[in-house]
Amino acid sequence: MAYREVTMIEIKEVLRLRLLGVAKKRIAAQLRLDPKTVRRYLEVGEAHGVVAGGGREQLTDARLDAVIAELKKPVPHEHGEAWRACERERTFIEGHLQHDVRLTKIRKLLQRQGVVVPYATLHRFATQQLGFGKKAATVPLVDGKPGDELQSDPGSVGMYEPTAAACGARSRSSSSRRTCRATASSIRSSARPSRR
């Protein structure tokens, strides 16, 4: 089920209309909101000092920010019995994940022990608590220095004519490694496709 995003303008307009003395149901109809939504906005507003009939000066930026922050807080929920079963079997699950055992296999092994956990709950637990499925960070490569080994893809290089100072005469790039005395950038700038 998708939820509609609550905008600041919407909340401010509900509070502003209420300060002008407009009824809750009229606010809901005018702004095309559910009356329960309007009631919730107004309850939070009243908790922060925005009361009906108090005048527009009550609606300060600080109060509006406090109301919006409270309305956008995620609703806390407790995990069910399946999650608690995963927590009890944490070392078992973690040990098998370290040995690259698939999550579906771990679920079957848990079922053999009498622990029945839905796959979705096991996957959520492994992802949130054990770091399952996180990709390794990429490692940046350092560009080679003159005289170091240069690696190239022979499939895309083909024939090229390097400078005489770099590698010598024109040749077919059949190996993937070549030792050159020039930097990789100077080879790229001097390389030209051959005409055969």
N, C-alpha and C. Protein backbone atom coordinates (compact mmCIF):
# COMPACT_ATOMS: atom_id res chain seq x y z
N MET A 1 0.84 -1.16 0.00
CA MET A 1 0.00 0.00 0.00
C MET A 1 0.89 1.23 0.00
N ALA A 2 0.70 2.11 -0.93
CA ALA A 2 1.50 3.32 -1.03
C ALA A 2 0.88 4.42 -0.18
N TYR A 3 1.74 5.23 0.41
CA TYR A 3 1.29 6.33 1.22
C TYR A 3 1.59 7.64 0.52
N ARG A 4 0.67 8.59 0.64
CA ARG A 4 0.84 9.90 0.04
C ARG A 4 1.75 10.72 0.94
N GLU A 5 2.64 11.49 0.34
CA GLU A 5 3.55 12.31 1.13
C GLU A 5 2.80 13.51 1.70
N VAL A 6 3.07 13.79 2.96
CA VAL A 6 2.46 14.92 3.63
C VAL A 6 3.31 16.15 3.36
N THR A 7 2.70 17.19 2.82
CA THR A 7 3.47 18.39 2.52
C THR A 7 3.30 19.41 3.64
N MET A 8 4.29 20.30 3.76
CA MET A 8 4.26 21.34 4.78
C MET A 8 3.10 22.29 4.53
N ILE A 9 2.84 22.57 3.26
CA ILE A 9 1.76 23.51 2.92
C ILE A 9 0.41 22.95 3.37
N GLU A 10 0.23 21.66 3.21
CA GLU A 10 -1.02 21.02 3.60
C GLU A 10 -1.24 21.15 5.11
N ILE A 11 -0.21 20.86 5.88
CA ILE A 11 -0.32 20.93 7.34
C ILE A 11 -0.55 22.38 7.78
N LYS A 12 0.18 23.29 7.20
CA LYS A 12 0.04 24.70 7.55
C LYS A 12 -1.36 25.21 7.22
N GLU A 13 -1.92 24.79 6.08
CA GLU A 13 -3.25 25.22 5.68
C GLU A 13 -4.31 24.68 6.63
N VAL A 14 -4.17 23.44 7.08
CA VAL A 14 -5.12 22.86 8.04
C VAL A 14 -5.09 23.68 9.33
N LEU A 15 -3.90 23.96 9.84
CA LEU A 15 -3.77 24.71 11.09
C LEU A 15 -4.28 26.16 10.91
N ARG A 16 -3.98 26.77 9.76
CA ARG A 16 -4.41 28.15 9.52
C ARG A 16 -5.93 28.26 9.48
N LEU A 17 -6.58 27.31 8.77
CA LEU A 17 -8.05 27.34 8.69
C LEU A 17 -8.68 27.11 10.06
N ARG A 18 -8.08 26.27 10.86
CA ARG A 18 -8.63 26.02 12.20
C ARG A 18 -8.48 27.26 13.08
N LEU A 19 -7.37 27.97 12.92
CA LEU A 19 -7.19 29.20 13.69
C LEU A 19 -8.21 30.26 13.30
N LEU A 20 -8.71 30.20 12.07
CA LEU A 20 -9.74 31.13 11.61
C LEU A 20 -11.14 30.71 12.05
N GLY A 21 -11.24 29.52 12.70
CA GLY A 21 -12.52 29.07 13.24
C GLY A 21 -13.30 28.17 12.31
N VAL A 22 -12.70 27.64 11.26
CA VAL A 22 -13.39 26.74 10.33
C VAL A 22 -13.52 25.37 11.00
N ALA A 23 -14.66 24.72 10.80
CA ALA A 23 -14.92 23.40 11.40
C ALA A 23 -14.04 22.33 10.75
N LYS A 24 -13.80 21.26 11.51
CA LYS A 24 -12.91 20.18 11.05
C LYS A 24 -13.41 19.54 9.76
N LYS A 25 -14.70 19.25 9.70
CA LYS A 25 -15.25 18.60 8.50
C LYS A 25 -15.19 19.53 7.30
N ARG A 26 -15.37 20.83 7.53
CA ARG A 26 -15.29 21.80 6.44
C ARG A 26 -13.86 21.89 5.92
N ILE A 27 -12.88 21.83 6.83
CA ILE A 27 -11.46 21.84 6.43
C ILE A 27 -11.16 20.61 5.58
N ALA A 28 -11.66 19.45 6.04
CA ALA A 28 -11.42 18.20 5.31
C ALA A 28 -12.01 18.26 3.90
N ALA A 29 -13.23 18.80 3.79
CA ALA A 29 -13.88 18.89 2.48
C ALA A 29 -13.16 19.90 1.58
N GLN A 30 -12.77 21.02 2.15
CA GLN A 30 -12.13 22.07 1.36
C GLN A 30 -10.76 21.65 0.84
N LEU A 31 -9.99 20.92 1.66
CA LEU A 31 -8.64 20.50 1.28
C LEU A 31 -8.59 19.09 0.71
N ARG A 32 -9.76 18.45 0.61
CA ARG A 32 -9.87 17.07 0.11
C ARG A 32 -9.01 16.10 0.91
N LEU A 33 -9.17 16.19 2.22
CA LEU A 33 -8.48 15.30 3.14
C LEU A 33 -9.50 14.49 3.91
N ASP A 34 -9.07 13.39 4.49
CA ASP A 34 -9.94 12.60 5.34
C ASP A 34 -10.12 13.35 6.66
N PRO A 35 -11.32 13.34 7.23
CA PRO A 35 -11.52 14.03 8.51
C PRO A 35 -10.61 13.51 9.63
N LYS A 36 -10.27 12.23 9.58
CA LYS A 36 -9.36 11.67 10.59
C LYS A 36 -7.97 12.27 10.46
N THR A 37 -7.54 12.53 9.23
CA THR A 37 -6.23 13.15 9.00
C THR A 37 -6.22 14.57 9.55
N VAL A 38 -7.30 15.31 9.29
CA VAL A 38 -7.42 16.67 9.80
C VAL A 38 -7.39 16.65 11.33
N ARG A 39 -8.14 15.73 11.93
CA ARG A 39 -8.18 15.62 13.39
C ARG A 39 -6.79 15.33 13.95
N ARG A 40 -6.05 14.45 13.29
CA ARG A 40 -4.69 14.12 13.76
C ARG A 40 -3.77 15.34 13.68
N TYR A 41 -3.82 16.07 12.57
CA TYR A 41 -3.00 17.28 12.41
C TYR A 41 -3.33 18.28 13.52
N LEU A 42 -4.64 18.45 13.80
CA LEU A 42 -5.05 19.42 14.79
C LEU A 42 -4.67 18.99 16.21
N GLU A 43 -4.72 17.69 16.50
CA GLU A 43 -4.31 17.21 17.82
C GLU A 43 -2.84 17.48 18.07
N VAL A 44 -2.02 17.22 17.06
CA VAL A 44 -0.58 17.49 17.19
C VAL A 44 -0.35 18.99 17.30
N GLY A 45 -1.11 19.78 16.53
CA GLY A 45 -0.98 21.23 16.61
C GLY A 45 -1.34 21.77 17.99
N GLU A 46 -2.42 21.25 18.56
CA GLU A 46 -2.83 21.68 19.90
C GLU A 46 -1.79 21.29 20.95
N ALA A 47 -1.14 20.15 20.76
CA ALA A 47 -0.10 19.75 21.70
C ALA A 47 1.09 20.70 21.67
N HIS A 48 1.26 21.40 20.55
CA HIS A 48 2.36 22.35 20.41
C HIS A 48 1.91 23.81 20.55
N GLY A 49 0.69 24.03 21.05
CA GLY A 49 0.25 25.37 21.37
C GLY A 49 -0.54 26.10 20.30
N VAL A 50 -0.99 25.40 19.28
CA VAL A 50 -1.82 26.03 18.24
C VAL A 50 -3.26 25.62 18.52
N VAL A 51 -4.03 26.53 19.15
CA VAL A 51 -5.40 26.22 19.54
C VAL A 51 -6.39 27.01 18.69
N ALA A 52 -7.59 26.46 18.51
CA ALA A 52 -8.61 27.08 17.67
C ALA A 52 -9.04 28.41 18.25
N GLY A 53 -9.19 29.40 17.35
CA GLY A 53 -9.66 30.72 17.76
C GLY A 53 -8.59 31.56 18.44
N GLY A 54 -7.37 31.13 18.45
CA GLY A 54 -6.31 31.86 19.15
C GLY A 54 -5.64 32.93 18.31
N GLY A 55 -5.96 33.03 17.05
CA GLY A 55 -5.36 34.04 16.20
C GLY A 55 -4.21 33.48 15.38
N ARG A 56 -3.97 34.13 14.25
CA ARG A 56 -2.95 33.65 13.31
C ARG A 56 -1.53 33.78 13.83
N GLU A 57 -1.31 34.66 14.81
CA GLU A 57 0.04 34.83 15.34
C GLU A 57 0.55 33.61 16.10
N GLN A 58 -0.36 32.69 16.45
CA GLN A 58 0.07 31.44 17.11
C GLN A 58 0.88 30.56 16.17
N LEU A 59 0.62 30.65 14.89
CA LEU A 59 1.24 29.76 13.92
C LEU A 59 2.61 30.31 13.51
N THR A 60 3.59 30.13 14.39
CA THR A 60 4.95 30.58 14.10
C THR A 60 5.71 29.48 13.36
N ASP A 61 6.84 29.85 12.78
CA ASP A 61 7.66 28.87 12.07
C ASP A 61 8.17 27.78 13.01
N ALA A 62 8.53 28.15 14.22
CA ALA A 62 9.04 27.17 15.18
C ALA A 62 7.97 26.14 15.54
N ARG A 63 6.73 26.61 15.77
CA ARG A 63 5.64 25.68 16.10
C ARG A 63 5.31 24.80 14.89
N LEU A 64 5.29 25.41 13.72
CA LEU A 64 5.00 24.64 12.51
C LEU A 64 6.06 23.56 12.28
N ASP A 65 7.32 23.91 12.50
CA ASP A 65 8.41 22.92 12.36
C ASP A 65 8.24 21.78 13.35
N ALA A 66 7.85 22.10 14.58
CA ALA A 66 7.66 21.07 15.61
C ALA A 66 6.50 20.14 15.24
N VAL A 67 5.41 20.71 14.72
CA VAL A 67 4.25 19.91 14.31
C VAL A 67 4.64 18.98 13.16
N ILE A 68 5.33 19.52 12.16
CA ILE A 68 5.73 18.72 11.00
C ILE A 68 6.68 17.61 11.42
N ALA A 69 7.64 17.92 12.28
CA ALA A 69 8.59 16.90 12.74
C ALA A 69 7.88 15.76 13.45
N GLU A 70 6.88 16.10 14.27
CA GLU A 70 6.16 15.04 14.98
C GLU A 70 5.29 14.22 14.05
N LEU A 71 4.68 14.88 13.06
CA LEU A 71 3.83 14.14 12.13
C LEU A 71 4.62 13.23 11.20
N LYS A 72 5.87 13.58 10.92
CA LYS A 72 6.68 12.77 10.00
C LYS A 72 7.50 11.70 10.70
N LYS A 73 7.40 11.62 12.03
CA LYS A 73 8.13 10.58 12.75
C LYS A 73 7.58 9.21 12.35
N PRO A 74 8.45 8.23 12.13
CA PRO A 74 7.94 6.90 11.79
C PRO A 74 7.23 6.27 13.00
N VAL A 75 6.21 5.53 12.70
CA VAL A 75 5.45 4.87 13.75
C VAL A 75 6.23 3.64 14.22
N PRO A 76 6.59 3.59 15.51
CA PRO A 76 7.34 2.43 15.99
C PRO A 76 6.44 1.19 16.03
N HIS A 77 7.02 0.06 15.66
CA HIS A 77 6.28 -1.18 15.72
C HIS A 77 7.19 -2.27 16.29
N GLU A 78 6.58 -3.17 17.00
CA GLU A 78 7.35 -4.26 17.58
C GLU A 78 7.40 -5.42 16.59
N HIS A 79 8.51 -6.14 16.65
CA HIS A 79 8.66 -7.30 15.79
C HIS A 79 7.86 -8.46 16.37
N GLY A 80 7.47 -9.36 15.47
CA GLY A 80 6.65 -10.49 15.87
C GLY A 80 7.47 -11.66 16.38
N GLU A 81 6.80 -12.77 16.55
CA GLU A 81 7.42 -13.99 17.09
C GLU A 81 8.49 -14.54 16.15
N ALA A 82 8.29 -14.43 14.85
CA ALA A 82 9.27 -14.94 13.89
C ALA A 82 10.59 -14.18 14.01
N TRP A 83 10.52 -12.87 14.22
CA TRP A 83 11.74 -12.07 14.39
C TRP A 83 12.46 -12.48 15.67
N ARG A 84 11.68 -12.68 16.73
CA ARG A 84 12.29 -13.11 18.00
C ARG A 84 12.95 -14.48 17.85
N ALA A 85 12.36 -15.35 17.02
CA ALA A 85 12.97 -16.66 16.76
C ALA A 85 14.29 -16.49 16.03
N CYS A 86 14.35 -15.55 15.10
CA CYS A 86 15.61 -15.25 14.40
C CYS A 86 16.66 -14.72 15.37
N GLU A 87 16.24 -13.88 16.31
CA GLU A 87 17.19 -13.36 17.30
C GLU A 87 17.74 -14.48 18.19
N ARG A 88 16.88 -15.46 18.54
CA ARG A 88 17.35 -16.59 19.35
C ARG A 88 18.35 -17.45 18.57
N GLU A 89 18.18 -17.54 17.25
CA GLU A 89 19.05 -18.35 16.40
C GLU A 89 20.11 -17.51 15.69
N ARG A 90 20.42 -16.35 16.21
CA ARG A 90 21.34 -15.42 15.56
C ARG A 90 22.70 -16.04 15.27
N THR A 91 23.30 -16.72 16.23
CA THR A 91 24.64 -17.30 16.01
C THR A 91 24.59 -18.39 14.94
N PHE A 92 23.52 -19.16 14.92
CA PHE A 92 23.36 -20.21 13.91
C PHE A 92 23.29 -19.59 12.51
N ILE A 93 22.44 -18.57 12.37
CA ILE A 93 22.27 -17.92 11.07
C ILE A 93 23.56 -17.24 10.64
N GLU A 94 24.18 -16.52 11.58
CA GLU A 94 25.41 -15.78 11.26
C GLU A 94 26.54 -16.73 10.87
N GLY A 95 26.65 -17.85 11.55
CA GLY A 95 27.70 -18.82 11.23
C GLY A 95 27.54 -19.39 9.83
N HIS A 96 26.30 -19.70 9.45
CA HIS A 96 26.07 -20.25 8.11
C HIS A 96 26.27 -19.19 7.03
N LEU A 97 25.91 -17.95 7.32
CA LEU A 97 26.12 -16.89 6.33
C LEU A 97 27.61 -16.65 6.10
N GLN A 98 28.42 -16.80 7.14
CA GLN A 98 29.86 -16.63 6.99
C GLN A 98 30.48 -17.72 6.13
N HIS A 99 29.82 -18.88 6.08
CA HIS A 99 30.30 -20.00 5.24
C HIS A 99 29.60 -20.01 3.88
N ASP A 100 29.00 -18.88 3.49
CA ASP A 100 28.36 -18.69 2.19
C ASP A 100 27.22 -19.68 1.92
N VAL A 101 26.48 -20.03 2.96
CA VAL A 101 25.30 -20.88 2.80
C VAL A 101 24.15 -19.97 2.39
N ARG A 102 23.36 -20.41 1.41
CA ARG A 102 22.24 -19.59 0.93
C ARG A 102 21.19 -19.45 2.02
N LEU A 103 20.48 -18.34 1.97
CA LEU A 103 19.45 -18.05 2.97
C LEU A 103 18.31 -19.06 2.92
N THR A 104 17.98 -19.55 1.72
CA THR A 104 16.93 -20.56 1.61
C THR A 104 17.35 -21.86 2.29
N LYS A 105 18.63 -22.20 2.19
CA LYS A 105 19.13 -23.41 2.86
C LYS A 105 19.13 -23.22 4.37
N ILE A 106 19.50 -22.03 4.83
CA ILE A 106 19.48 -21.75 6.27
C ILE A 106 18.06 -21.88 6.81
N ARG A 107 17.09 -21.43 6.03
CA ARG A 107 15.69 -21.55 6.45
C ARG A 107 15.28 -23.01 6.57
N LYS A 108 15.72 -23.83 5.62
CA LYS A 108 15.41 -25.27 5.69
C LYS A 108 16.07 -25.91 6.91
N LEU A 109 17.32 -25.52 7.20
CA LEU A 109 18.01 -26.06 8.37
C LEU A 109 17.32 -25.65 9.67
N LEU A 110 16.81 -24.42 9.69
CA LEU A 110 16.06 -23.98 10.87
C LEU A 110 14.76 -24.78 11.03
N GLN A 111 14.10 -25.06 9.91
CA GLN A 111 12.86 -25.84 9.97
C GLN A 111 13.13 -27.24 10.48
N ARG A 112 14.28 -27.81 10.11
CA ARG A 112 14.64 -29.15 10.61
C ARG A 112 14.82 -29.15 12.12
N GLN A 113 15.21 -27.98 12.67
CA GLN A 113 15.37 -27.86 14.12
C GLN A 113 14.07 -27.48 14.82
N GLY A 114 13.01 -27.30 14.03
CA GLY A 114 11.72 -26.94 14.61
C GLY A 114 11.46 -25.45 14.70
N VAL A 115 12.31 -24.65 14.08
CA VAL A 115 12.13 -23.20 14.09
C VAL A 115 11.54 -22.80 12.74
N VAL A 116 10.28 -22.43 12.73
CA VAL A 116 9.60 -22.07 11.48
C VAL A 116 9.58 -20.54 11.37
N VAL A 117 10.25 -20.05 10.33
CA VAL A 117 10.36 -18.61 10.09
C VAL A 117 10.04 -18.35 8.63
N PRO A 118 9.16 -17.39 8.33
CA PRO A 118 8.92 -17.04 6.93
C PRO A 118 10.20 -16.51 6.29
N TYR A 119 10.37 -16.79 5.00
CA TYR A 119 11.58 -16.35 4.31
C TYR A 119 11.73 -14.83 4.35
N ALA A 120 10.62 -14.10 4.18
CA ALA A 120 10.68 -12.64 4.17
C ALA A 120 11.24 -12.10 5.49
N THR A 121 10.82 -12.69 6.61
CA THR A 121 11.31 -12.26 7.92
C THR A 121 12.77 -12.61 8.08
N LEU A 122 13.16 -13.80 7.64
CA LEU A 122 14.56 -14.21 7.73
C LEU A 122 15.44 -13.30 6.87
N HIS A 123 14.98 -12.96 5.69
CA HIS A 123 15.74 -12.08 4.81
C HIS A 123 15.88 -10.68 5.42
N ARG A 124 14.77 -10.13 5.97
CA ARG A 124 14.82 -8.83 6.63
C ARG A 124 15.77 -8.84 7.81
N PHE A 125 15.72 -9.91 8.61
CA PHE A 125 16.61 -10.03 9.77
C PHE A 125 18.07 -10.09 9.33
N ALA A 126 18.35 -10.92 8.34
CA ALA A 126 19.73 -11.07 7.88
C ALA A 126 20.25 -9.77 7.27
N THR A 127 19.40 -9.05 6.57
CA THR A 127 19.82 -7.79 5.95
C THR A 127 20.05 -6.70 6.99
N GLN A 128 19.10 -6.54 7.90
CA GLN A 128 19.18 -5.45 8.88
C GLN A 128 20.16 -5.72 10.01
N GLN A 129 20.22 -6.95 10.47
CA GLN A 129 21.02 -7.25 11.65
C GLN A 129 22.40 -7.82 11.34
N LEU A 130 22.53 -8.55 10.24
CA LEU A 130 23.78 -9.27 9.96
C LEU A 130 24.52 -8.75 8.73
N GLY A 131 23.98 -7.73 8.07
CA GLY A 131 24.66 -7.16 6.91
C GLY A 131 24.63 -8.06 5.68
N PHE A 132 23.66 -8.93 5.58
CA PHE A 132 23.53 -9.83 4.44
C PHE A 132 23.19 -9.05 3.19
N GLY A 133 23.84 -9.38 2.08
CA GLY A 133 23.52 -8.79 0.79
C GLY A 133 24.19 -7.47 0.51
N LYS A 134 25.01 -6.98 1.42
CA LYS A 134 25.71 -5.73 1.16
C LYS A 134 26.89 -6.00 0.25
N LYS A 135 27.05 -5.14 -0.74
CA LYS A 135 28.13 -5.31 -1.69
C LYS A 135 29.42 -4.75 -1.11
N ALA A 136 30.51 -5.35 -1.52
CA ALA A 136 31.83 -4.87 -1.08
C ALA A 136 32.12 -3.52 -1.73
N ALA A 137 32.88 -2.73 -1.02
CA ALA A 137 33.25 -1.42 -1.55
C ALA A 137 34.21 -1.60 -2.72
N THR A 138 34.14 -0.70 -3.66
CA THR A 138 35.05 -0.77 -4.79
C THR A 138 36.41 -0.23 -4.38
N VAL A 139 37.43 -0.73 -5.02
CA VAL A 139 38.79 -0.33 -4.70
C VAL A 139 39.31 0.54 -5.84
N PRO A 140 39.73 1.77 -5.55
CA PRO A 140 40.27 2.60 -6.63
C PRO A 140 41.64 2.10 -7.06
N LEU A 141 41.90 2.16 -8.34
CA LEU A 141 43.19 1.72 -8.88
C LEU A 141 44.06 2.92 -9.16
N VAL A 142 45.35 2.76 -8.90
CA VAL A 142 46.30 3.83 -9.14
C VAL A 142 46.81 3.72 -10.56
N ASP A 143 46.89 4.86 -11.26
CA ASP A 143 47.41 4.88 -12.62
C ASP A 143 48.89 4.55 -12.57
N GLY A 144 49.36 3.75 -13.53
CA GLY A 144 50.75 3.29 -13.54
C GLY A 144 51.75 4.42 -13.77
N LYS A 145 52.96 4.23 -13.26
CA LYS A 145 54.05 5.18 -13.44
C LYS A 145 54.88 4.73 -14.63
N PRO A 146 55.71 5.62 -15.20
CA PRO A 146 56.58 5.20 -16.30
C PRO A 146 57.46 4.04 -15.89
N GLY A 147 57.52 3.02 -16.73
CA GLY A 147 58.30 1.83 -16.44
C GLY A 147 57.51 0.73 -15.77
N ASP A 148 56.32 1.04 -15.27
CA ASP A 148 55.48 0.02 -14.64
C ASP A 148 54.75 -0.78 -15.70
N GLU A 149 54.09 -1.81 -15.27
CA GLU A 149 53.35 -2.67 -16.18
C GLU A 149 52.08 -1.97 -16.64
N LEU A 150 51.77 -2.09 -17.91
CA LEU A 150 50.58 -1.50 -18.49
C LEU A 150 49.70 -2.63 -18.99
N GLN A 151 48.43 -2.64 -18.59
CA GLN A 151 47.51 -3.68 -19.04
C GLN A 151 46.53 -3.07 -20.01
N SER A 152 46.26 -3.80 -21.09
CA SER A 152 45.31 -3.32 -22.08
C SER A 152 44.42 -4.46 -22.52
N ASP A 153 43.30 -4.13 -23.10
CA ASP A 153 42.35 -5.12 -23.60
C ASP A 153 42.68 -5.38 -25.07
N PRO A 154 43.17 -6.58 -25.40
CA PRO A 154 43.57 -6.83 -26.79
C PRO A 154 42.41 -6.85 -27.76
N GLY A 155 41.21 -7.05 -27.27
CA GLY A 155 40.07 -7.10 -28.17
C GLY A 155 39.73 -5.73 -28.74
N SER A 156 40.00 -4.67 -28.00
CA SER A 156 39.64 -3.35 -28.50
C SER A 156 40.82 -2.54 -29.00
N VAL A 157 42.05 -2.98 -28.72
CA VAL A 157 43.21 -2.20 -29.13
C VAL A 157 43.56 -2.48 -30.58
N GLY A 158 43.73 -3.76 -30.95
CA GLY A 158 44.09 -4.11 -32.33
C GLY A 158 45.47 -3.62 -32.68
N MET A 159 45.63 -3.02 -33.86
CA MET A 159 46.92 -2.49 -34.30
C MET A 159 47.05 -1.04 -33.86
N TYR A 160 48.19 -0.69 -33.35
CA TYR A 160 48.43 0.70 -32.99
C TYR A 160 49.88 1.03 -33.23
N GLU A 161 50.17 2.31 -33.33
CA GLU A 161 51.52 2.76 -33.56
C GLU A 161 51.97 3.61 -32.38
N PRO A 162 52.65 3.02 -31.41
CA PRO A 162 53.13 3.82 -30.29
C PRO A 162 54.33 4.65 -30.71
N THR A 163 54.67 5.62 -29.90
CA THR A 163 55.84 6.43 -30.20
C THR A 163 57.09 5.58 -30.02
N ALA A 164 58.16 5.97 -30.66
CA ALA A 164 59.41 5.21 -30.58
C ALA A 164 59.93 5.18 -29.16
N ALA A 165 59.71 6.24 -28.41
CA ALA A 165 60.20 6.28 -27.02
C ALA A 165 59.39 5.38 -26.12
N ALA A 166 58.16 5.10 -26.52
CA ALA A 166 57.30 4.33 -25.63
C ALA A 166 57.59 2.84 -25.68
N CYS A 167 57.33 2.18 -26.80
CA CYS A 167 57.47 0.73 -26.85
C CYS A 167 58.19 0.22 -28.08
N GLY A 168 58.49 1.02 -29.02
CA GLY A 168 59.18 0.54 -30.21
C GLY A 168 58.29 0.56 -31.42
N ALA A 169 58.50 -0.38 -32.31
CA ALA A 169 57.81 -0.41 -33.61
C ALA A 169 56.36 -0.80 -33.46
N ARG A 170 55.62 -0.60 -34.57
CA ARG A 170 54.21 -0.96 -34.61
C ARG A 170 54.07 -2.46 -34.42
N SER A 171 53.07 -2.87 -33.64
CA SER A 171 52.88 -4.31 -33.40
C SER A 171 51.41 -4.59 -33.16
N ARG A 172 51.09 -5.86 -33.23
CA ARG A 172 49.73 -6.30 -32.94
C ARG A 172 49.66 -6.53 -31.45
N SER A 173 48.65 -6.01 -30.80
CA SER A 173 48.52 -6.17 -29.35
C SER A 173 47.87 -7.52 -29.06
N SER A 174 48.68 -8.55 -28.99
CA SER A 174 48.14 -9.88 -28.74
C SER A 174 48.24 -10.27 -27.28
N SER A 175 49.15 -9.66 -26.57
CA SER A 175 49.25 -9.97 -25.14
C SER A 175 48.53 -8.88 -24.36
N SER A 176 48.13 -9.21 -23.16
CA SER A 176 47.42 -8.23 -22.36
C SER A 176 48.36 -7.42 -21.49
N ARG A 177 49.67 -7.72 -21.49
CA ARG A 177 50.62 -6.97 -20.68
C ARG A 177 51.77 -6.49 -21.53
N ARG A 178 52.21 -5.29 -21.32
CA ARG A 178 53.27 -4.68 -22.07
C ARG A 178 54.02 -3.73 -21.14
N THR A 179 55.31 -3.76 -21.15
CA THR A 179 56.08 -2.83 -20.33
C THR A 179 56.49 -1.66 -21.20
N CYS A 180 56.15 -0.47 -20.77
CA CYS A 180 56.45 0.73 -21.53
C CYS A 180 57.21 1.71 -20.65
N ARG A 181 57.87 2.64 -21.30
CA ARG A 181 58.60 3.65 -20.55
C ARG A 181 57.82 4.96 -20.48
N ALA A 182 56.69 5.03 -21.12
CA ALA A 182 55.87 6.25 -21.10
C ALA A 182 54.64 5.98 -20.26
N THR A 183 53.97 7.03 -19.87
CA THR A 183 52.76 6.87 -19.09
C THR A 183 51.63 6.40 -19.99
N ALA A 184 50.62 5.86 -19.37
CA ALA A 184 49.48 5.35 -20.12
C ALA A 184 48.79 6.48 -20.88
N SER A 185 48.78 7.68 -20.33
CA SER A 185 48.11 8.78 -21.01
C SER A 185 48.84 9.19 -22.28
N SER A 186 50.18 9.11 -22.30
CA SER A 186 50.90 9.47 -23.52
C SER A 186 50.71 8.43 -24.60
N ILE A 187 50.54 7.16 -24.21
CA ILE A 187 50.29 6.10 -25.20
C ILE A 187 48.92 6.31 -25.82
N ARG A 188 47.92 6.66 -24.96
CA ARG A 188 46.59 6.88 -25.49
C ARG A 188 46.56 8.03 -26.48
N SER A 189 47.32 9.08 -26.19
CA SER A 189 47.28 10.23 -27.08
C SER A 189 48.03 9.98 -28.39
N SER A 190 49.02 9.06 -28.38
CA SER A 190 49.77 8.82 -29.60
C SER A 190 49.28 7.61 -30.38
N ALA A 191 48.36 6.83 -29.81
CA ALA A 191 47.88 5.62 -30.49
C ALA A 191 46.96 6.01 -31.63
N ARG A 192 47.17 5.38 -32.80
CA ARG A 192 46.34 5.63 -33.96
C ARG A 192 45.92 4.28 -34.55
N PRO A 193 44.71 4.16 -35.05
CA PRO A 193 44.32 2.89 -35.69
C PRO A 193 45.10 2.70 -36.99
N SER A 194 45.45 1.47 -37.26
CA SER A 194 46.24 1.18 -38.48
C SER A 194 45.32 1.04 -39.68
N ARG A 195 45.93 1.17 -40.86
CA ARG A 195 45.17 1.03 -42.11
C ARG A 195 45.74 -0.15 -42.87
N ARG A 196 45.15 -1.28 -42.83
CA ARG A 196 45.61 -2.46 -43.55
C ARG A 196 44.67 -2.81 -44.63
